[in-house]
Protein backbone atom coordinates (compact mmCIF):
# COMPACT_ATOMS: atom_id res chain seq x y z
CA UNK A 1 53.11 -96.43 -63.12
CA UNK A 2 49.25 -95.40 -64.28
CA UNK A 3 47.28 -92.61 -64.11
CA UNK A 4 45.68 -94.04 -60.86
CA UNK A 5 48.62 -94.79 -59.04
CA UNK A 6 49.99 -91.96 -59.44
CA UNK A 7 47.18 -90.23 -57.91
CA UNK A 8 47.36 -92.43 -54.58
CA UNK A 9 50.65 -91.56 -54.04
CA UNK A 10 50.28 -88.06 -54.22
CA UNK A 11 46.92 -88.21 -52.08
CA UNK A 12 48.77 -90.46 -49.46
CA UNK A 13 49.70 -87.61 -47.16
CA UNK A 14 46.14 -85.81 -47.66
CA UNK A 15 44.49 -88.50 -45.82
CA UNK A 16 46.57 -88.72 -43.27
CA UNK A 17 45.80 -85.25 -42.48
CA UNK A 18 42.56 -85.42 -43.02
CA UNK A 19 42.49 -87.58 -40.58
CA UNK A 20 44.34 -85.85 -38.28
CA UNK A 21 42.15 -82.92 -38.40
CA UNK A 22 39.22 -85.12 -38.02
CA UNK A 23 40.32 -86.50 -34.85
CA UNK A 24 41.21 -83.31 -33.79
CA UNK A 25 38.09 -81.52 -34.86
CA UNK A 26 35.70 -84.02 -34.38
CA UNK A 27 33.13 -82.41 -31.89
CA UNK A 28 33.00 -79.08 -34.14
CA UNK A 29 32.67 -81.26 -37.28
CA UNK A 30 29.86 -82.97 -35.70
CA UNK A 31 28.24 -80.15 -34.32
CA UNK A 32 28.40 -78.01 -37.35
CA UNK A 33 26.77 -81.16 -39.13
CA UNK A 34 23.61 -81.12 -37.01
CA UNK A 35 23.39 -77.44 -37.16
CA UNK A 36 23.43 -77.50 -41.06
CA UNK A 37 20.96 -80.54 -40.97
CA UNK A 38 18.61 -78.31 -38.45
CA UNK A 39 18.67 -75.40 -40.32
CA UNK A 40 17.95 -76.96 -43.87
CA UNK A 41 15.21 -79.08 -42.37
CA UNK A 42 13.84 -75.69 -40.94
CA UNK A 43 14.19 -73.99 -44.10
CA UNK A 44 12.59 -76.93 -46.43
CA UNK A 45 9.41 -76.73 -43.73
CA UNK A 46 10.19 -80.82 -42.83
CA UNK A 47 9.61 -81.95 -46.44
CA UNK A 48 12.79 -83.45 -46.33
CA UNK A 49 13.44 -84.42 -42.97
CA UNK A 50 13.72 -88.26 -43.24
CA UNK A 51 16.29 -87.23 -46.12
CA UNK A 52 18.35 -84.63 -44.26
CA UNK A 53 18.63 -87.26 -41.24
CA UNK A 54 20.00 -90.29 -43.53
CA UNK A 55 22.55 -87.92 -44.76
CA UNK A 56 23.49 -86.58 -41.84
CA UNK A 57 24.14 -89.93 -40.30
CA UNK A 58 26.17 -91.14 -42.95
CA UNK A 59 28.66 -88.03 -43.18
CA UNK A 60 29.02 -88.43 -38.96
CA UNK A 61 30.24 -92.11 -39.76
CA UNK A 62 32.57 -90.95 -42.54
CA UNK A 63 34.05 -88.36 -40.15
CA UNK A 64 34.25 -91.35 -37.27
CA UNK A 65 35.40 -93.59 -39.66
CA UNK A 66 38.23 -91.19 -40.69
CA UNK A 67 39.15 -89.69 -37.24
CA UNK A 68 40.02 -93.74 -36.15
CA UNK A 69 41.77 -95.08 -38.94
CA UNK A 70 44.65 -95.74 -36.76
CA UNK A 71 42.83 -97.53 -34.26
CA UNK A 72 42.67 -101.42 -34.59
CA UNK A 73 39.04 -102.46 -35.35
CA UNK A 74 38.01 -99.23 -36.97
CA UNK A 75 37.24 -101.20 -40.63
CA UNK A 76 33.78 -102.61 -39.17
CA UNK A 77 31.57 -99.56 -38.86
CA UNK A 78 29.00 -101.54 -37.46
CA UNK A 79 27.47 -99.41 -34.76
CA UNK A 80 24.68 -100.19 -32.40
CA UNK A 81 23.20 -96.62 -31.94
CA UNK A 82 21.29 -95.05 -34.62
CA UNK A 83 22.71 -91.64 -36.27
CA UNK A 84 21.30 -88.41 -34.49
CA UNK A 85 18.79 -86.67 -37.03
CA UNK A 86 17.85 -82.83 -36.87
CA UNK A 87 15.13 -82.12 -34.01
CA UNK A 88 11.64 -82.01 -35.33
CA UNK A 89 10.23 -78.32 -36.48
CA UNK A 90 8.58 -76.71 -34.33
């Protein structure tokens, strides 16, 4: 058994636990991502808004994939709603 096989075997239970936590606390994680994005956007004075929005959207998609990994048809990830980004700086 190779090194990667050993790692996959040891990390299997951790992946299930992370998925369970993402299911239980998905709303809190999403809210935290929004708050962090807003803070970073304000501190950079909107200079990187597009990148922050893209990164936040990808992070939210990853959380959604983790939270719904046990549901049928969860591997597609082809949602029609664009990711929500931080509000415009005021």
